Protein backbone atom coordinates (compact mmCIF):
# COMPACT_ATOMS: atom_id res chain seq x y z
CA MET A 1 0.00 0.00 0.00
CA GLN A 2 2.86 2.38 0.80
CA LYS A 3 4.27 1.80 -2.69
CA LYS A 4 0.87 2.51 -4.18
CA LEU A 5 0.69 5.78 -2.25
CA LEU A 6 4.14 6.88 -3.41
CA LEU A 7 3.53 6.01 -7.04
CA GLY A 8 0.12 7.66 -6.99
CA LEU A 9 1.63 10.79 -5.43
CA LEU A 10 4.35 11.06 -8.06
CA ARG A 11 1.88 10.48 -10.90
CA SER A 12 -0.36 13.30 -9.76
CA ARG A 13 0.35 16.84 -10.93
CA ARG A 14 -0.84 18.23 -7.60
CA GLY A 15 1.30 15.71 -5.74
CA ILE A 16 4.43 16.61 -7.74
CA ILE A 17 3.92 20.32 -7.04
CA GLY A 18 3.46 19.64 -3.32
CA VAL A 19 6.50 17.36 -3.12
CA THR A 20 8.65 19.91 -4.98
CA ILE A 21 7.70 22.69 -2.56
CA ILE A 22 8.31 20.47 0.49
CA ALA A 23 11.68 19.41 -0.93
CA PHE A 24 12.63 23.07 -1.32
CA LEU A 25 11.59 23.82 2.28
CA LEU A 26 13.53 20.83 3.60
CA VAL A 27 16.67 21.84 1.69
CA LEU A 28 16.28 25.38 3.02
CA SER A 29 15.97 24.04 6.56
CA ALA A 30 19.02 21.79 6.15
CA VAL A 31 21.33 24.45 4.74
CA ALA A 32 20.20 27.24 7.11
CA PRO A 33 22.87 26.45 9.76
CA LEU A 34 25.48 26.21 7.00
CA ILE A 35 24.83 29.50 5.21
CA ILE A 36 23.72 31.64 8.16
CA PRO A 37 25.65 32.22 11.41
CA ILE A 38 23.92 30.29 14.19
CA GLU A 39 24.37 33.36 16.40
CA SER A 40 21.77 35.20 14.33
CA TYR A 41 19.16 32.66 15.50
CA PHE A 42 19.86 33.15 19.19
CA ARG A 43 20.31 36.93 18.91
CA TRP A 44 17.36 37.63 16.64
CA ASN A 45 15.97 40.18 19.12
CA ASP A 46 19.33 41.71 20.07
CA PRO A 47 19.65 45.17 18.41
CA ASP A 48 23.43 45.22 18.95
CA TYR A 49 23.87 42.20 16.69
CA TRP A 50 22.23 43.98 13.73
CA ILE A 51 23.74 47.43 14.32
CA ASN A 52 25.76 47.37 11.08
CA ASN A 53 22.66 46.87 8.92
CA PRO A 54 20.54 49.75 7.56
CA LYS A 55 17.18 50.53 9.13
CA THR A 56 13.98 49.64 7.25
CA VAL A 57 15.27 49.47 3.68
CA ALA A 58 13.90 47.60 0.66
CA PRO A 59 15.48 44.53 -1.02
CA PHE A 60 18.36 45.21 -3.40
CA TRP A 61 16.48 43.86 -6.44
CA THR A 62 14.03 46.76 -6.31
CA ASN A 63 16.83 48.69 -8.06
CA PHE A 64 15.88 46.82 -11.24
CA PHE A 65 12.50 48.57 -11.36
CA GLY A 66 13.44 52.20 -10.80
CA PRO A 67 16.31 54.59 -10.00
CA LYS A 68 19.39 52.78 -8.76
CA GLU A 69 19.54 53.48 -5.04
CA PHE A 70 22.82 53.09 -3.17
CA GLU A 71 23.09 49.53 -1.83
CA HIS A 72 24.18 49.28 1.80
CA LEU A 73 27.84 48.37 2.08
CA SER A 74 29.57 46.89 5.12
CA LEU A 75 33.29 46.14 4.86
CA ASP A 76 35.70 44.75 7.44
CA LYS A 77 39.48 44.40 7.58
CA ASN A 78 39.32 41.27 5.40
CA ASP A 79 37.97 43.44 2.57
CA ALA A 80 40.79 46.00 2.89
CA LYS A 81 44.14 46.21 1.18
CA VAL A 82 46.61 46.33 4.08
CA SER A 83 50.04 47.89 3.96
CA SER A 84 52.56 48.80 6.64
CA GLU A 85 55.68 50.93 6.70
CA SER A 86 58.07 52.19 9.39
CA SER A 87 60.08 55.37 9.64
CA GLU A 88 62.07 56.78 12.59
CA GLY A 89 60.32 54.59 15.17
CA THR A 90 56.83 55.24 13.84
CA ARG A 91 54.88 52.45 12.16
CA VAL A 92 52.06 53.31 9.80
CA ASP A 93 49.39 50.67 9.18
CA ASN A 94 47.15 51.55 6.27
CA TYR A 95 43.78 49.88 5.55
CA THR A 96 42.40 50.85 2.13
CA PHE A 97 38.85 50.03 1.07
CA GLN A 98 37.72 50.22 -2.55
CA VAL A 99 34.17 51.42 -3.23
CA ASP A 100 32.79 51.33 -6.77
CA MET A 101 30.11 54.03 -6.72
CA GLN A 102 27.58 53.44 -9.52
CA ALA A 103 24.35 54.40 -7.74
CA ASP A 104 22.14 57.36 -8.61
CA SER A 105 21.70 58.32 -4.95
CA PHE A 106 24.06 59.18 -2.10
CA PRO A 107 24.68 56.98 0.95
CA ASP A 108 22.45 57.78 3.90
CA ASP A 109 25.36 57.79 6.32
CA MET A 110 28.99 56.78 6.69
CA MET A 111 30.80 55.05 9.56
CA PHE A 112 34.43 54.18 10.17
CA LEU A 113 35.05 51.33 12.61
CA TYR A 114 38.32 50.52 14.29
CA SER A 115 39.85 48.72 17.25
CA VAL A 116 43.45 49.40 18.35
CA LYS A 117 45.61 48.01 21.14
CA TYR A 118 48.20 50.45 22.51
CA GLY A 119 50.13 51.56 25.58
CA ASP A 120 51.24 54.95 26.96
CA ILE A 121 51.48 56.71 23.60
CA PRO A 122 48.08 56.89 21.87
CA PRO A 123 48.08 56.27 18.09
CA VAL A 124 46.85 58.80 15.57
CA LEU A 125 44.10 57.99 13.05
CA GLN A 126 43.94 59.68 9.67
CA ILE A 127 41.15 59.04 7.14
CA ASP A 128 41.68 59.88 3.46
CA ILE A 129 39.25 59.71 0.53
CA ASN A 130 40.82 59.35 -2.94
CA ARG A 131 38.07 60.23 -5.42
CA PRO A 132 37.65 59.23 -9.09
CA ASP A 133 38.45 62.85 -10.13
CA ASN A 134 41.91 62.42 -8.51
CA ASN A 135 41.09 64.74 -5.64
CA THR A 136 42.08 63.46 -2.21
CA PHE A 137 40.14 64.58 0.86
CA THR A 138 41.70 64.16 4.30
CA ILE A 139 38.53 64.18 6.36
CA TYR A 140 39.79 63.09 9.77
CA TYR A 141 43.00 63.44 11.77
CA SER A 142 43.02 62.88 15.53
CA SER A 143 44.83 60.97 18.25
CA LEU A 144 43.08 58.26 20.23
CA PRO A 145 42.29 58.77 23.94
CA PRO A 146 45.35 58.38 26.23
CA THR A 147 45.66 55.43 28.61
CA ASN A 148 47.94 54.44 31.48
CA ASN A 149 47.71 50.70 30.84
CA ILE A 150 49.79 48.71 28.39
CA ASN A 151 47.90 46.61 25.82
CA THR A 152 44.64 48.43 26.34
CA SER A 153 42.17 47.82 23.52
CA PHE A 154 40.09 50.78 22.36
CA SER A 155 37.20 50.40 19.91
CA ASP A 156 35.10 53.17 18.43
CA ARG A 157 32.91 54.26 15.52
CA ILE A 158 33.41 57.53 13.74
CA PHE A 159 30.21 58.77 12.10
CA SER A 160 30.05 61.07 9.12
CA THR A 161 28.33 63.62 11.38
CA ASN A 162 31.52 63.93 13.47
CA GLU A 163 32.50 67.61 13.89
CA ASN A 164 36.09 66.81 12.96
CA ILE A 165 34.90 65.52 9.56
CA LYS A 166 32.60 68.51 8.97
CA GLU A 167 35.39 70.97 9.71
CA SER A 168 37.88 69.08 7.53
CA LEU A 169 35.56 69.18 4.50
CA LYS A 170 35.31 72.98 4.62
CA GLN A 171 38.86 73.33 3.29
CA TYR A 172 37.74 71.70 0.02
CA GLU A 173 34.78 74.03 -0.57
CA SER A 174 36.68 75.95 -3.25
CA LEU A 175 36.82 72.82 -5.42
CA PHE A 176 33.06 72.85 -5.91
CA ASN A 177 31.23 75.10 -8.37
CA TYR A 178 28.26 75.33 -6.00
CA SER A 179 27.74 75.83 -2.30
CA ILE A 180 28.24 72.73 -0.17
CA SER A 181 27.12 74.52 2.98
CA GLY A 182 24.41 72.52 4.71
CA LEU A 183 25.11 69.32 2.79
CA GLU A 184 25.74 66.12 4.72
CA PRO A 185 29.42 65.05 4.77
CA GLN A 186 28.73 61.78 2.90
CA VAL A 187 26.98 63.83 0.18
CA VAL A 188 29.96 66.18 -0.17
CA ILE A 189 32.42 63.28 -0.29
CA PHE A 190 30.62 61.55 -3.17
CA SER A 191 29.49 64.66 -5.09
CA ASP A 192 30.64 65.83 -8.49
CA THR A 193 32.49 69.16 -8.19
CA ASN A 194 30.61 70.65 -11.18
CA LYS A 195 27.04 69.73 -10.22
CA PRO A 196 25.33 68.31 -7.11
CA ASN A 197 25.07 64.79 -8.48
CA VAL A 198 26.81 61.56 -7.55
CA LEU A 199 30.35 61.34 -8.86
CA LYS A 200 30.48 57.77 -10.12
CA GLY A 201 33.63 55.73 -10.19
CA MET A 202 36.15 54.00 -7.93
CA TYR A 203 36.88 55.51 -4.51
CA GLN A 204 39.86 54.62 -2.33
CA ILE A 205 38.98 55.11 1.34
CA SER A 206 41.93 54.72 3.71
CA GLU A 207 42.18 54.42 7.46
CA ARG A 208 45.79 55.19 8.33
CA PHE A 209 47.02 54.41 11.86
CA TYR A 210 50.26 56.01 13.18
CA LEU A 211 51.66 53.73 15.90
CA PHE A 212 54.46 55.00 18.14
CA ASP A 213 55.57 51.98 20.20
CA ASN A 214 55.99 48.24 19.89
CA TYR A 215 52.94 47.59 22.09
CA SER A 216 50.55 49.15 19.58
CA SER A 217 48.65 47.12 16.99
CA VAL A 218 45.52 47.48 14.90
CA GLU A 219 42.99 44.80 15.86
CA ASP A 220 40.20 45.74 13.48
CA ALA A 221 39.18 48.26 10.83
CA GLY A 222 35.99 48.64 8.89
CA LEU A 223 33.79 50.86 6.78
CA ILE A 224 30.01 51.10 6.59
CA LEU A 225 28.14 53.10 3.96
CA GLY A 226 24.45 53.27 4.77
CA GLY A 227 22.22 52.48 1.81
CA LYS A 228 18.57 52.54 0.83
CA VAL A 229 18.49 48.90 -0.31
CA PHE A 230 19.97 45.78 1.28
CA GLY A 231 19.76 42.01 1.01
CA ILE A 232 17.26 39.72 -0.67
CA MET A 233 14.31 40.74 1.53
CA GLY A 234 15.36 44.05 3.07
CA THR A 235 15.43 44.95 6.76
CA ASP A 236 12.95 45.95 9.47
CA ASP A 237 12.91 48.73 12.07
CA LEU A 238 15.42 46.86 14.24
CA ARG A 239 17.83 46.54 11.26
CA ARG A 240 17.29 42.77 11.17
CA ASP A 241 17.90 41.03 7.87
CA LEU A 242 14.45 39.68 7.04
CA ALA A 243 15.91 36.99 4.76
CA VAL A 244 17.63 35.51 7.82
CA GLY A 245 14.33 35.49 9.74
CA ILE A 246 12.45 33.88 6.84
CA ILE A 247 15.06 31.14 6.45
CA TRP A 248 15.25 30.39 10.19
CA GLY A 249 11.45 30.38 10.29
CA THR A 250 11.31 27.49 7.82
CA PRO A 251 12.62 24.67 10.08
CA ILE A 252 10.62 26.10 13.00
CA ALA A 253 7.40 26.04 10.95
CA LEU A 254 8.05 22.49 9.71
CA PHE A 255 8.89 21.36 13.25
CA ILE A 256 5.67 22.84 14.63
CA GLY A 257 3.50 21.56 11.80
CA LEU A 258 4.88 18.01 11.68
CA THR A 259 5.08 17.60 15.46
CA VAL A 260 1.49 18.73 16.07
CA SER A 261 0.07 16.81 13.10
CA ILE A 262 1.87 13.53 13.85
CA PHE A 263 0.93 13.48 17.53
CA SER A 264 -2.60 14.77 17.01
CA ILE A 265 -3.30 12.22 14.25
CA ALA A 266 -1.78 9.44 16.39
CA ILE A 267 -4.03 10.40 19.32
CA GLY A 268 -7.06 10.68 17.07
CA LEU A 269 -6.25 7.33 15.45
CA ILE A 270 -6.00 5.40 18.72
CA TYR A 271 -8.97 7.20 20.25
CA GLY A 272 -11.19 6.70 17.20
CA VAL A 273 -10.25 3.03 16.71
CA ILE A 274 -10.97 2.16 20.35
CA ALA A 275 -14.30 3.99 20.27
CA GLY A 276 -15.37 2.45 16.96
CA TYR A 277 -14.21 -1.08 17.77
CA ARG A 278 -15.59 -1.27 21.29
CA GLY A 279 -18.93 0.39 20.47
CA LYS A 280 -21.86 0.67 22.88
CA ARG A 281 -21.21 2.55 26.12
CA THR A 282 -17.50 2.91 25.46
CA ASP A 283 -18.18 4.52 22.12
CA GLU A 284 -20.93 6.73 23.53
CA THR A 285 -18.79 7.99 26.41
CA MET A 286 -15.70 8.60 24.29
CA MET A 287 -17.66 10.43 21.59
CA ARG A 288 -19.33 12.70 24.16
CA VAL A 289 -15.87 13.64 25.45
CA ASN A 290 -14.83 14.23 21.85
CA ASP A 291 -17.85 16.48 21.31
CA ILE A 292 -17.01 18.51 24.41
CA PHE A 293 -13.48 19.19 23.13
CA TYR A 294 -14.85 19.84 19.64
CA ALA A 295 -17.27 22.46 20.96
CA LEU A 296 -14.63 24.41 22.86
CA PRO A 297 -13.63 27.79 21.31
CA THR A 298 -10.09 27.02 20.20
CA LEU A 299 -8.49 30.44 19.69
CA PRO A 300 -9.80 32.05 22.93
CA LEU A 301 -8.61 29.04 24.92
CA LEU A 302 -5.21 29.09 23.20
CA ILE A 303 -4.91 32.75 24.13
CA LEU A 304 -5.90 32.01 27.74
CA LEU A 305 -3.45 29.11 28.03
CA SER A 306 -0.59 31.15 26.53
CA ILE A 307 -1.19 34.01 28.95
CA THR A 308 -1.48 31.67 31.95
CA PHE A 309 1.29 29.15 31.37
CA GLY A 310 3.79 30.94 29.15
CA ARG A 311 4.78 31.35 25.51
CA SER A 312 7.51 28.76 25.05
CA ILE A 313 7.40 27.09 21.65
CA PHE A 314 6.99 23.67 23.29
CA LEU A 315 4.07 24.90 25.40
CA ILE A 316 2.45 26.34 22.30
CA ILE A 317 2.84 23.00 20.50
CA GLY A 318 1.21 21.29 23.48
CA PHE A 319 -1.67 23.78 23.53
CA ILE A 320 -2.35 23.37 19.81
CA LEU A 321 -2.14 19.60 20.20
CA ILE A 322 -4.94 19.62 22.79
CA PHE A 323 -7.40 20.97 20.22
CA SER A 324 -6.22 19.14 17.09
CA TRP A 325 -7.16 15.47 17.44
CA MET A 326 -11.00 15.49 17.58
CA GLY A 327 -11.76 15.59 13.85
CA THR A 328 -9.44 12.70 13.13
CA ALA A 329 -11.01 10.68 15.94
CA LYS A 330 -14.50 11.11 14.43
CA VAL A 331 -13.39 10.01 10.95
CA ILE A 332 -11.36 7.04 12.23
CA ARG A 333 -14.19 5.93 14.51
CA SER A 334 -16.67 5.73 11.61
CA ILE A 335 -14.23 3.68 9.51
CA ALA A 336 -13.29 1.43 12.44
CA MET A 337 -17.00 0.61 12.98
CA GLN A 338 -17.10 -0.83 9.45
CA ILE A 339 -13.77 -2.65 9.63
CA ARG A 340 -14.70 -4.43 12.88
CA ASN A 341 -17.41 -6.32 10.95
CA TYR A 342 -15.04 -7.59 8.26
CA GLN A 343 -14.62 -11.36 8.16
CA TYR A 344 -10.89 -11.39 8.98
CA VAL A 345 -11.55 -9.32 12.10
CA GLU A 346 -14.36 -11.67 13.18
CA ALA A 347 -12.09 -14.64 12.51
CA ALA A 348 -9.35 -13.12 14.67
CA LYS A 349 -11.76 -12.69 17.56
CA LEU A 350 -13.01 -16.27 17.20
CA MET A 351 -9.40 -17.47 17.37
CA GLY A 352 -9.16 -15.87 20.81
CA GLN A 353 -7.04 -12.86 20.00
CA SER A 354 -7.38 -10.02 22.51
CA ASP A 355 -9.06 -6.75 21.61
CA LEU A 356 -5.70 -4.99 21.81
CA MET A 357 -4.16 -7.48 19.38
CA VAL A 358 -7.08 -7.15 16.97
CA ILE A 359 -6.92 -3.36 17.04
CA PHE A 360 -3.19 -3.00 16.46
CA LYS A 361 -2.70 -6.00 14.17
CA HIS A 362 -5.80 -5.99 12.00
CA ILE A 363 -7.47 -2.55 12.16
CA VAL A 364 -4.75 0.07 12.61
CA PRO A 365 -2.63 -1.16 9.63
CA GLN A 366 -5.68 -0.75 7.40
CA LEU A 367 -5.95 2.88 8.49
CA LEU A 368 -2.31 3.88 8.12
CA PRO A 369 -2.58 5.07 4.48
CA LEU A 370 -5.46 7.34 5.47
CA THR A 371 -3.40 8.46 8.47
CA PHE A 372 -0.55 9.59 6.21
CA ALA A 373 -2.98 11.73 4.24
CA SER A 374 -4.45 13.15 7.44
CA ILE A 375 -0.99 14.08 8.75
CA ALA A 376 -0.23 16.04 5.58
CA ILE A 377 -3.59 17.82 5.71
CA ALA A 378 -3.17 18.69 9.41
CA VAL A 379 0.23 20.39 9.03
CA PRO A 380 -1.08 23.71 7.61
CA ALA A 381 -3.63 24.04 10.42
CA ALA A 382 -0.86 23.72 13.05
CA ILE A 383 1.36 26.26 11.29
CA LEU A 384 -1.53 28.70 10.96
CA ALA A 385 -2.45 28.25 14.63
CA GLU A 386 1.08 29.15 15.74
CA ALA A 387 1.18 32.06 13.29
CA ALA A 388 -2.14 33.35 14.64
CA LEU A 389 -0.88 33.24 18.23
CA SER A 390 2.37 34.93 17.27
CA PHE A 391 0.56 37.57 15.22
CA ILE A 392 -1.48 38.69 18.22
CA GLY A 393 1.66 38.74 20.39
CA LEU A 394 1.28 35.41 22.21
CA GLY A 395 3.91 33.38 20.37
CA ASP A 396 7.44 32.66 21.52
CA PRO A 397 9.12 36.09 21.17
CA SER A 398 12.63 34.63 21.25
CA LEU A 399 12.25 32.77 17.94
CA PRO A 400 12.20 34.21 14.39
CA THR A 401 8.96 32.54 13.33
CA TRP A 402 6.94 33.79 10.37
CA GLY A 403 4.07 34.68 12.66
CA GLN A 404 6.39 36.66 14.95
CA ILE A 405 7.77 38.60 11.97
CA LEU A 406 4.19 39.48 10.95
CA HIS A 407 3.44 40.50 14.53
CA ASP A 408 6.44 42.86 14.56
CA ALA A 409 5.35 44.30 11.21
CA ASN A 410 1.82 44.87 12.47
CA THR A 411 3.10 46.52 15.66
CA ALA A 412 5.25 48.88 13.58
CA ASP A 413 2.34 49.75 11.21
CA ALA A 414 4.31 48.38 8.28
CA ALA A 415 1.24 48.24 6.02
CA SER A 416 0.34 51.92 6.43
CA ARG A 417 4.01 52.90 6.01
CA GLY A 418 4.31 50.95 2.75
CA ILE A 419 6.93 48.52 4.06
CA TRP A 420 5.59 45.65 1.96
CA TRP A 421 8.80 43.57 2.18
CA TRP A 422 8.16 43.15 5.91
CA ILE A 423 4.70 41.66 5.31
CA ILE A 424 4.53 39.80 2.00
CA PRO A 425 7.48 37.31 2.34
CA PRO A 426 6.40 35.70 5.68
CA GLY A 427 2.79 35.66 4.51
CA LEU A 428 3.79 33.95 1.26
CA MET A 429 5.90 31.38 3.12
CA ILE A 430 2.94 30.46 5.35
CA ALA A 431 0.65 30.20 2.32
CA LEU A 432 3.20 28.23 0.27
CA THR A 433 3.86 25.71 3.05
CA GLY A 434 0.16 25.25 3.68
CA LEU A 435 -0.50 24.79 -0.03
CA ALA A 436 2.23 22.15 -0.37
CA PHE A 437 0.91 19.96 2.45
CA PHE A 438 -2.68 20.49 1.31
CA LEU A 439 -1.85 19.26 -2.20
CA ILE A 440 0.01 16.22 -0.87
CA GLY A 441 -2.69 15.44 1.68
CA ASN A 442 -5.52 15.66 -0.83
CA THR A 443 -3.64 13.48 -3.30
CA LEU A 444 -2.91 10.81 -0.68
CA ASP A 445 -6.49 10.98 0.58
CA ALA A 446 -7.83 10.38 -2.92
CA ILE A 447 -5.64 7.27 -3.18
CA ALA A 448 -6.01 5.85 0.31
CA ASN A 449 -9.48 6.76 1.60
CA PRO A 450 -11.34 3.45 1.83
CA LEU A 451 -14.77 5.06 1.74
CA ARG A 452 -13.96 7.10 -1.33
CA ASN A 453 -12.50 4.08 -3.11
CA LYS A 454 -15.55 2.03 -2.18
CA ASN A 455 -17.91 4.66 -3.55
CA LYS A 456 -15.99 4.62 -6.81
């Protein structure tokens, strides 16, 4: 029967589409820890982790459908060309970053990152910009704070709004054929001298460290140019890369959906088989209990349980599981009532086999194909239940689930602000996953449902 199910699934157009989507989701879940730093999962809600990303910007591919906005650029010392030279006891370490400016808009901001270890004599930092028009701007020159301890590490960020940078740029005002007064430093740095447009071409941006003793060393250097577009899916108000959240949300969604569906279908299967096989008072009592659970308002009770007992992902799975087995139990019970009258079941009872043996050896195996279909159909409901709880703020806030991303977007009024990239991707992933399991479940149900086959 299992072979029949597999062959029937692969011969069905709907089944092939569903299997293809599930295969894609499984591959995405498997490669997530390989292509994304695991730290991003645990620090999803830590603003410091995402500080180098731009705030609330669109995906980079939106540049294909309009003016080419500057794409956010974050470079570290591994991206720099490093050189070092010594003269009269002074060592100069130079970190040069190349920036190919081809955008139609200016960067939103500019940051220089560095970390230096030094002793009694503080190093001096000089920042130079070599432009495509062969003009060189020295925009920063200052010593680092003094210290009394040897091998003290000092880390800092220099923003383009730094007064030292603003004052340094004034000496180059005569190069421009228009007034640069009031312009942001990053605009002046990347402007054409003849007109207030972006000067396109290759820029050489250097961080030059003057070190005066053998204790001094440059630990890190970096450059960040804030852009208006970034990544495959953009960023949110907390600067989080939404592509990272969507990818991490995939294994979480599959875990929730499969865990709830497998356990709920297993409970419903056993419950329904026992009720249908035993019949009479046992059946009546068990079905009344089933009806009570069936009549309970699911979402209000899920909300109440989440508020009372907590919002851990495992608690949420347990809560959803409580309200997910009743429908399966009803269907299985009706089929079990028919199977118990089959001749091979009657023969087993006449041979003295116990009720437990009859149920698990002769009835349950007949229902397994239908159970597989039911599991596939139940997965979307579990994923939607978790997404609904997360959307109203009762999901596990520590995890980057699709529902939690939608909740954050709703809290930030993303729809009214036009931040569509914060809303559409997680919504599409929920819909796509639900569609895949629905197609597979319906295909398997059409193959395995005994009642449907009998009616045919």
